[in-house]
PDB file of N, CA and C in Angstrom:
ATOM      1  N   MET A   1       1.043  -0.879  -0.055  1.00  0.00           N
ATOM      2  CA  MET A   1       0.300   0.299   0.090  1.00  0.00           C
ATOM      3  C   MET A   1       0.803   1.111   0.186  1.00  0.00           C
ATOM      4  N   SER A   2       0.777   1.905  -0.612  1.00  0.00           N
ATOM      5  CA  SER A   2       1.421   3.254  -1.114  1.00  0.00           C
ATOM      6  C   SER A   2       1.296   4.385   0.475  1.00  0.00           C
ATOM      7  N   ALA A   3       2.053   5.072   0.530  1.00  0.00           N
ATOM      8  CA  ALA A   3       1.798   6.323   1.567  1.00  0.00           C
ATOM      9  C   ALA A   3       0.552   6.988   1.684  1.00  0.00           C
ATOM     10  N   ALA A   4       0.153   7.267   0.690  1.00  0.00           N
ATOM     11  CA  ALA A   4      -1.113   8.002   0.144  1.00  0.00           C
ATOM     12  C   ALA A   4      -2.582   7.125   0.789  1.00  0.00           C
ATOM     13  N   GLY A   5      -2.237   5.924   0.504  1.00  0.00           N
ATOM     14  CA  GLY A   5      -3.556   4.982   0.659  1.00  0.00           C
ATOM     15  C   GLY A   5      -3.374   4.764   2.153  1.00  0.00           C
ATOM     16  N   ARG A   6      -2.128   4.520   2.828  1.00  0.00           N
ATOM     17  CA  ARG A   6      -2.011   4.237   4.365  1.00  0.00           C
ATOM     18  C   ARG A   6      -2.355   5.644   5.200  1.00  0.00           C
ATOM     19  N   LEU A   7      -2.179   6.691   4.722  1.00  0.00           N
ATOM     20  CA  LEU A   7      -2.620   8.016   4.971  1.00  0.00           C
ATOM     21  C   LEU A   7      -4.301   8.048   4.896  1.00  0.00           C
ATOM     22  N   ALA A   8      -4.575   7.776   4.061  1.00  0.00           N
ATOM     23  CA  ALA A   8      -6.075   7.591   3.509  1.00  0.00           C
ATOM     24  C   ALA A   8      -7.270   6.775   4.630  1.00  0.00           C
ATOM     25  N   THR A   9      -6.378   5.585   4.996  1.00  0.00           N
ATOM     26  CA  THR A   9      -7.122   4.774   5.654  1.00  0.00           C
ATOM     27  C   THR A   9      -6.969   4.919   7.261  1.00  0.00           C
ATOM     28  N   PHE A  10      -5.581   5.820   7.234  1.00  0.00           N
ATOM     29  CA  PHE A  10      -5.591   6.066   9.008  1.00  0.00           C
ATOM     30  C   PHE A  10      -6.597   7.337   9.038  1.00  0.00           C
ATOM     31  N   THR A  11      -6.570   8.150   8.190  1.00  0.00           N
ATOM     32  CA  THR A  11      -7.562   9.255   8.200  1.00  0.00           C
ATOM     33  C   THR A  11      -8.956   8.983   8.313  1.00  0.00           C
ATOM     34  N   ALA A  12      -9.307   7.948   7.688  1.00  0.00           N
ATOM     35  CA  ALA A  12     -10.685   7.637   7.671  1.00  0.00           C
ATOM     36  C   ALA A  12     -11.043   6.884   9.187  1.00  0.00           C
ATOM     37  N   LEU A  13      -9.898   5.996   9.605  1.00  0.00           N
ATOM     38  CA  LEU A  13     -10.483   5.392  10.981  1.00  0.00           C
ATOM     39  C   LEU A  13     -10.029   6.312  11.994  1.00  0.00           C
ATOM     40  N   TRP A  14      -9.058   7.220  11.738  1.00  0.00           N
ATOM     41  CA  TRP A  14      -9.340   8.541  12.802  1.00  0.00           C
ATOM     42  C   TRP A  14     -10.626   8.962  13.018  1.00  0.00           C
ATOM     43  N   ALA A  15     -11.217   9.454  11.929  1.00  0.00           N
ATOM     44  CA  ALA A  15     -12.394  10.474  11.922  1.00  0.00           C
ATOM     45  C   ALA A  15     -13.469   9.206  12.371  1.00  0.00           C
ATOM     46  N   GLY A  16     -13.380   7.965  12.066  1.00  0.00           N
ATOM     47  CA  GLY A  16     -14.395   7.233  12.763  1.00  0.00           C
ATOM     48  C   GLY A  16     -14.196   7.076  14.162  1.00  0.00           C
ATOM     49  N   GLY A  17     -12.883   6.950  14.687  1.00  0.00           N
ATOM     50  CA  GLY A  17     -13.105   6.912  15.959  1.00  0.00           C
ATOM     51  C   GLY A  17     -13.459   7.815  16.487  1.00  0.00           C
ATOM     52  N   VAL A  18     -12.957   9.483  15.992  1.00  0.00           N
ATOM     53  CA  VAL A  18     -13.537  10.331  16.666  1.00  0.00           C
ATOM     54  C   VAL A  18     -15.040  10.541  16.813  1.00  0.00           C
ATOM     55  N   ASN A  19     -15.719  10.101  15.694  1.00  0.00           N
ATOM     56  CA  ASN A  19     -17.134   9.914  15.472  1.00  0.00           C
ATOM     57  C   ASN A  19     -17.826   9.299  16.878  1.00  0.00           C
ATOM     58  N   LEU A  20     -17.129   7.829  16.850  1.00  0.00           N
ATOM     59  CA  LEU A  20     -17.733   7.171  17.834  1.00  0.00           C
ATOM     60  C   LEU A  20     -17.173   7.383  19.101  1.00  0.00           C
ATOM     61  N   GLY A  21     -16.108   7.995  19.350  1.00  0.00           N
ATOM     62  CA  GLY A  21     -16.005   8.784  20.696  1.00  0.00           C
ATOM     63  C   GLY A  21     -17.107   9.598  21.385  1.00  0.00           C
ATOM     64  N   SER A  22     -17.108  10.755  20.266  1.00  0.00           N
ATOM     65  CA  SER A  22     -18.311  11.749  20.458  1.00  0.00           C
ATOM     66  C   SER A  22     -19.594  11.302  20.413  1.00  0.00           C
ATOM     67  N   ALA A  23     -19.985  10.459  19.629  1.00  0.00           N
ATOM     68  CA  ALA A  23     -21.263   9.649  19.911  1.00  0.00           C
ATOM     69  C   ALA A  23     -21.427   9.134  21.446  1.00  0.00           C
ATOM     70  N   GLY A  24     -20.547   8.481  21.565  1.00  0.00           N
ATOM     71  CA  GLY A  24     -20.448   7.560  23.118  1.00  0.00           C
ATOM     72  C   GLY A  24     -20.836   8.872  23.968  1.00  0.00           C
ATOM     73  N   ILE A  25     -20.071  10.089  23.990  1.00  0.00           N
ATOM     74  CA  ILE A  25     -20.218  11.377  24.850  1.00  0.00           C
ATOM     75  C   ILE A  25     -21.652  11.586  24.705  1.00  0.00           C
ATOM     76  N   PHE A  26     -22.213  11.894  23.176  1.00  0.00           N
ATOM     77  CA  PHE A  26     -23.303  12.452  23.274  1.00  0.00           C
ATOM     78  C   PHE A  26     -24.471  11.785  23.606  1.00  0.00           C
ATOM     79  N   TYR A  27     -24.450   9.945  23.658  1.00  0.00           N
ATOM     80  CA  TYR A  27     -25.202   9.255  24.013  1.00  0.00           C
ATOM     81  C   TYR A  27     -25.229   9.143  25.397  1.00  0.00           C
ATOM     82  N   TYR A  28     -24.164   9.297  26.220  1.00  0.00           N
ATOM     83  CA  TYR A  28     -24.021   9.498  27.979  1.00  0.00           C
ATOM     84  C   TYR A  28     -24.899  10.878  28.252  1.00  0.00           C
ATOM     85  N   ASP A  29     -24.443  11.990  27.570  1.00  0.00           N
ATOM     86  CA  ASP A  29     -25.377  13.167  27.736  1.00  0.00           C
ATOM     87  C   ASP A  29     -26.679  13.001  27.586  1.00  0.00           C
ATOM     88  N   LYS A  30     -27.172  12.578  26.244  1.00  0.00           N
ATOM     89  CA  LYS A  30     -28.580  12.484  26.232  1.00  0.00           C
ATOM     90  C   LYS A  30     -29.407  11.618  27.138  1.00  0.00           C
ATOM     91  N   LYS A  31     -28.334  10.574  27.688  1.00  0.00           N
ATOM     92  CA  LYS A  31     -29.138   9.643  28.719  1.00  0.00           C
ATOM     93  C   LYS A  31     -29.609  10.008  29.739  1.00  0.00           C
ATOM     94  N   TRP A  32     -28.391  11.192  30.238  1.00  0.00           N
ATOM     95  CA  TRP A  32     -28.942  12.005  31.356  1.00  0.00           C
ATOM     96  C   TRP A  32     -29.876  12.871  31.282  1.00  0.00           C
ATOM     97  N   ALA A  33     -29.858  13.776  30.199  1.00  0.00           N
ATOM     98  CA  ALA A  33     -30.966  14.442  30.086  1.00  0.00           C
ATOM     99  C   ALA A  33     -32.593  13.870  30.017  1.00  0.00           C
ATOM    100  N   MET A  34     -32.358  12.548  29.626  1.00  0.00           N
ATOM    101  CA  MET A  34     -33.462  11.882  29.297  1.00  0.00           C
ATOM    102  C   MET A  34     -34.164  11.614  30.628  1.00  0.00           C
ATOM    103  N   GLN A  35     -33.110  11.281  31.394  1.00  0.00           N
ATOM    104  CA  GLN A  35     -33.595  10.862  32.959  1.00  0.00           C
ATOM    105  C   GLN A  35     -34.244  12.203  33.551  1.00  0.00           C
ATOM    106  N   GLN A  36     -33.152  13.440  33.485  1.00  0.00           N
ATOM    107  CA  GLN A  36     -33.904  14.757  34.161  1.00  0.00           C
ATOM    108  C   GLN A  36     -34.722  15.034  33.696  1.00  0.00           C
ATOM    109  N   PHE A  37     -35.269  15.049  32.114  1.00  0.00           N
ATOM    110  CA  PHE A  37     -36.479  15.489  31.879  1.00  0.00           C
ATOM    111  C   PHE A  37     -37.390  14.680  31.388  1.00  0.00           C
ATOM    112  N   LYS A  38     -37.844  13.815  32.210  1.00  0.00           N
ATOM    113  CA  LYS A  38     -38.655  12.675  31.760  1.00  0.00           C
ATOM    114  C   LYS A  38     -39.751  12.662  30.998  1.00  0.00           C
ATOM    115  N   HIS A  39     -40.703  14.043  31.390  1.00  0.00           N
ATOM    116  CA  HIS A  39     -41.721  14.529  30.725  1.00  0.00           C
ATOM    117  C   HIS A  39     -41.702  14.794  29.129  1.00  0.00           C
ATOM    118  N   LYS A  40     -40.378  15.059  28.691  1.00  0.00           N
ATOM    119  CA  LYS A  40     -40.324  15.217  27.120  1.00  0.00           C
ATOM    120  C   LYS A  40     -40.093  13.936  26.728  1.00  0.00           C
ATOM    121  N   THR A  41     -39.011  13.109  27.163  1.00  0.00           N
ATOM    122  CA  THR A  41     -38.812  11.796  26.714  1.00  0.00           C
ATOM    123  C   THR A  41     -39.382  10.466  26.259  1.00  0.00           C
ATOM    124  N   SER A  42     -40.269  10.901  27.269  1.00  0.00           N
ATOM    125  CA  SER A  42     -41.678   9.982  27.546  1.00  0.00           C
ATOM    126  C   SER A  42     -42.796   9.822  26.250  1.00  0.00           C
ATOM    127  N   LYS A  43     -42.557  11.177  25.496  1.00  0.00           N
ATOM    128  CA  LYS A  43     -43.458  11.239  24.325  1.00  0.00           C
ATOM    129  C   LYS A  43     -42.790  10.493  23.135  1.00  0.00           C
ATOM    130  N   LYS A  44     -43.677   9.748  22.500  1.00  0.00           N
ATOM    131  CA  LYS A  44     -43.485   8.533  21.580  1.00  0.00           C
ATOM    132  C   LYS A  44     -42.858   9.698  20.220  1.00  0.00           C
ATOM    133  N   SER A  45     -43.413  10.805  19.971  1.00  0.00           N
ATOM    134  CA  SER A  45     -42.633  11.593  18.805  1.00  0.00           C
ATOM    135  C   SER A  45     -41.244  11.811  19.152  1.00  0.00           C
ATOM    136  N   PHE A  46     -40.997  12.064  20.374  1.00  0.00           N
ATOM    137  CA  PHE A  46     -39.648  12.530  20.439  1.00  0.00           C
ATOM    138  C   PHE A  46     -38.740  11.024  20.526  1.00  0.00           C
ATOM    139  N   GLN A  47     -38.934   9.761  21.206  1.00  0.00           N
ATOM    140  CA  GLN A  47     -38.242   8.708  20.824  1.00  0.00           C
ATOM    141  C   GLN A  47     -38.067   8.635  19.356  1.00  0.00           C
ATOM    142  N   GLU A  48     -39.202   8.852  18.710  1.00  0.00           N
ATOM    143  CA  GLU A  48     -39.088   8.240  17.380  1.00  0.00           C
ATOM    144  C   GLU A  48     -37.853   8.895  16.286  1.00  0.00           C
ATOM    145  N   LYS A  49     -37.815  10.434  16.849  1.00  0.00           N
ATOM    146  CA  LYS A  49     -36.890  11.171  16.255  1.00  0.00           C
ATOM    147  C   LYS A  49     -35.640  11.093  16.540  1.00  0.00           C
ATOM    148  N   TYR A  50     -35.301  10.837  17.893  1.00  0.00           N
ATOM    149  CA  TYR A  50     -34.183  10.311  18.528  1.00  0.00           C
ATOM    150  C   TYR A  50     -33.857   9.119  17.998  1.00  0.00           C
ATOM    151  N   ASP A  51     -34.506   8.361  17.991  1.00  0.00           N
ATOM    152  CA  ASP A  51     -33.875   6.855  17.213  1.00  0.00           C
ATOM    153  C   ASP A  51     -33.549   7.119  15.590  1.00  0.00           C
ATOM    154  N   ALA A  52     -34.298   7.855  15.200  1.00  0.00           N
ATOM    155  CA  ALA A  52     -33.676   8.215  13.396  1.00  0.00           C
ATOM    156  C   ALA A  52     -32.865   8.859  13.674  1.00  0.00           C
ATOM    157  N   ALA A  53     -32.483   9.701  14.447  1.00  0.00           N
ATOM    158  CA  ALA A  53     -31.271  10.452  14.234  1.00  0.00           C
ATOM    159  C   ALA A  53     -29.672   9.628  14.647  1.00  0.00           C
ATOM    160  N   VAL A  54     -30.252   8.785  15.353  1.00  0.00           N
ATOM    161  CA  VAL A  54     -28.876   7.708  15.903  1.00  0.00           C
ATOM    162  C   VAL A  54     -28.952   6.948  14.816  1.00  0.00           C
ATOM    163  N   ALA A  55     -29.814   6.050  14.199  1.00  0.00           N
ATOM    164  CA  ALA A  55     -29.857   5.137  12.935  1.00  0.00           C
ATOM    165  C   ALA A  55     -29.166   5.921  12.057  1.00  0.00           C
ATOM    166  N   ALA A  56     -29.490   7.321  11.579  1.00  0.00           N
ATOM    167  CA  ALA A  56     -28.800   7.689  10.565  1.00  0.00           C
ATOM    168  C   ALA A  56     -26.976   8.200  10.764  1.00  0.00           C
ATOM    169  N   ASN A  57     -27.102   8.512  12.023  1.00  0.00           N
ATOM    170  CA  ASN A  57     -25.833   8.622  12.252  1.00  0.00           C
ATOM    171  C   ASN A  57     -24.732   7.322  12.089  1.00  0.00           C
ATOM    172  N   VAL A  58     -25.398   6.253  12.690  1.00  0.00           N
ATOM    173  CA  VAL A  58     -24.549   5.149  12.491  1.00  0.00           C
ATOM    174  C   VAL A  58     -24.539   4.515  10.962  1.00  0.00           C
ATOM    175  N   ALA A  59     -25.542   4.617  10.381  1.00  0.00           N
ATOM    176  CA  ALA A  59     -25.502   4.137   8.952  1.00  0.00           C
ATOM    177  C   ALA A  59     -24.663   5.134   8.038  1.00  0.00           C
ATOM    178  N   GLY A  60     -24.487   6.195   8.322  1.00  0.00           N
ATOM    179  CA  GLY A  60     -23.370   7.223   7.913  1.00  0.00           C
ATOM    180  C   GLY A  60     -21.869   6.716   8.156  1.00  0.00           C
ATOM    181  N   ILE A  61     -21.627   6.458   9.302  1.00  0.00           N
ATOM    182  CA  ILE A  61     -20.332   6.080   9.631  1.00  0.00           C
ATOM    183  C   ILE A  61     -19.995   4.743   8.890  1.00  0.00           C
ATOM    184  N   ALA A  62     -21.009   3.787   8.866  1.00  0.00           N
ATOM    185  CA  ALA A  62     -20.791   2.415   8.557  1.00  0.00           C
ATOM    186  C   ALA A  62     -20.594   2.642   6.868  1.00  0.00           C
ATOM    187  N   THR A  63     -21.222   3.275   6.337  1.00  0.00           N
ATOM    188  CA  THR A  63     -21.072   3.764   4.883  1.00  0.00           C
ATOM    189  C   THR A  63     -19.635   3.888   4.561  1.00  0.00           C
ATOM    190  N   VAL A  64     -19.120   5.037   5.128  1.00  0.00           N
ATOM    191  CA  VAL A  64     -17.967   5.373   4.936  1.00  0.00           C
ATOM    192  C   VAL A  64     -16.883   4.752   5.338  1.00  0.00           C
ATOM    193  N   VAL A  65     -17.064   3.909   6.509  1.00  0.00           N
ATOM    194  CA  VAL A  65     -15.838   2.962   6.835  1.00  0.00           C
ATOM    195  C   VAL A  65     -15.741   1.733   5.777  1.00  0.00           C
ATOM    196  N   SER A  66     -17.288   1.217   5.349  1.00  0.00           N
ATOM    197  CA  SER A  66     -17.226   0.046   4.657  1.00  0.00           C
ATOM    198  C   SER A  66     -17.035   0.248   3.031  1.00  0.00           C
ATOM    199  N   ILE A  67     -17.539   1.138   2.579  1.00  0.00           N
ATOM    200  CA  ILE A  67     -17.409   1.382   1.070  1.00  0.00           C
ATOM    201  C   ILE A  67     -15.988   2.213   0.710  1.00  0.00           C
ATOM    202  N   PRO A  68     -15.107   1.619   0.118  1.00  0.00           N
ATOM    203  CA  PRO A  68     -13.824   2.463  -0.245  1.00  0.00           C
ATOM    204  C   PRO A  68     -14.315   3.719  -1.077  1.00  0.00           C
ATOM    205  N   LYS A  69     -15.094   3.712  -1.971  1.00  0.00           N
ATOM    206  CA  LYS A  69     -15.542   4.749  -2.661  1.00  0.00           C
ATOM    207  C   LYS A  69     -15.964   5.982  -2.280  1.00  0.00           C
ATOM    208  N   ALA A  70     -17.051   5.317  -1.086  1.00  0.00           N
ATOM    209  CA  ALA A  70     -17.517   6.288  -0.228  1.00  0.00           C
ATOM    210  C   ALA A  70     -16.522   7.032   0.747  1.00  0.00           C
ATOM    211  N   ARG A  71     -15.478   6.675   1.041  1.00  0.00           N
ATOM    212  CA  ARG A  71     -14.473   6.973   1.927  1.00  0.00           C
ATOM    213  C   ARG A  71     -13.432   7.916   1.082  1.00  0.00           C
ATOM    214  N   THR A  72     -12.954   7.427  -0.036  1.00  0.00           N
ATOM    215  CA  THR A  72     -12.142   8.215  -0.906  1.00  0.00           C
ATOM    216  C   THR A  72     -12.791   9.475  -1.397  1.00  0.00           C
ATOM    217  N   HIS A  73     -13.997   9.275  -1.494  1.00  0.00           N
ATOM    218  CA  HIS A  73     -14.609  10.733  -1.932  1.00  0.00           C
ATOM    219  C   HIS A  73     -15.185  11.681  -0.760  1.00  0.00           C
ATOM    220  N   LEU A  74     -15.232  11.378   0.466  1.00  0.00           N
ATOM    221  CA  LEU A  74     -15.061  11.812   1.386  1.00  0.00           C
ATOM    222  C   LEU A  74     -13.876  12.508   2.015  1.00  0.00           C
ATOM    223  N   LEU A  75     -13.033  11.765   1.869  1.00  0.00           N
ATOM    224  CA  LEU A  75     -11.572  12.276   1.801  1.00  0.00           C
ATOM    225  C   LEU A  75     -10.981  13.243   0.781  1.00  0.00           C
ATOM    226  N   LYS A  76     -11.555  13.166  -0.286  1.00  0.00           N
ATOM    227  CA  LYS A  76     -11.128  14.607  -1.325  1.00  0.00           C
ATOM    228  C   LYS A  76     -11.891  15.466  -0.904  1.00  0.00           C
ATOM    229  N   ALA A  77     -12.949  15.551  -0.517  1.00  0.00           N
ATOM    230  CA  ALA A  77     -13.536  16.789  -0.129  1.00  0.00           C
ATOM    231  C   ALA A  77     -13.353  17.029   1.141  1.00  0.00           C
ATOM    232  N   TRP A  78     -12.960  16.590   2.196  1.00  0.00           N
ATOM    233  CA  TRP A  78     -12.324  17.277   3.392  1.00  0.00           C
ATOM    234  C   TRP A  78     -11.057  17.818   2.991  1.00  0.00           C
ATOM    235  N   THR A  79     -10.022  17.251   2.089  1.00  0.00           N
ATOM    236  CA  THR A  79      -8.794  17.802   1.686  1.00  0.00           C
ATOM    237  C   THR A  79      -9.067  19.217   0.976  1.00  0.00           C
ATOM    238  N   ARG A  80     -10.046  19.119   0.050  1.00  0.00           N
ATOM    239  CA  ARG A  80     -10.582  20.567  -0.510  1.00  0.00           C
ATOM    240  C   ARG A  80     -10.933  21.737   0.228  1.00  0.00           C
ATOM    241  N   PHE A  81     -11.859  20.930   1.501  1.00  0.00           N
ATOM    242  CA  PHE A  81     -12.169  21.961   2.648  1.00  0.00           C
ATOM    243  C   PHE A  81     -11.252  22.489   3.282  1.00  0.00           C
ATOM    244  N   ILE A  82     -10.309  21.813   3.714  1.00  0.00           N
ATOM    245  CA  ILE A  82      -9.347  22.569   4.497  1.00  0.00           C
ATOM    246  C   ILE A  82      -8.051  22.932   3.955  1.00  0.00           C
ATOM    247  N   ARG A  83      -7.820  23.052   2.614  1.00  0.00           N
ATOM    248  CA  ARG A  83      -6.864  24.181   1.841  1.00  0.00           C
ATOM    249  C   ARG A  83      -7.446  25.271   1.865  1.00  0.00           C
TER     250      ARG A  83
END
């Protein structure tokens, strides 16, 4: 594997790890908030929106990690963004 390929793989794994870590912290924070503000979180409409947001995040990360073309496209977009 070339240096560029290793860098791309490292960057994708690093971004996935950062996202996973932030998702864990976000989950912990939301779990605390749900316990504190039970009146809102007991509503079915809130639970459905929350579950949909979590599912979308997991699906997005799974797509980027598992499909090399998506990962390559994301890395190119990121490179253009930071320049």
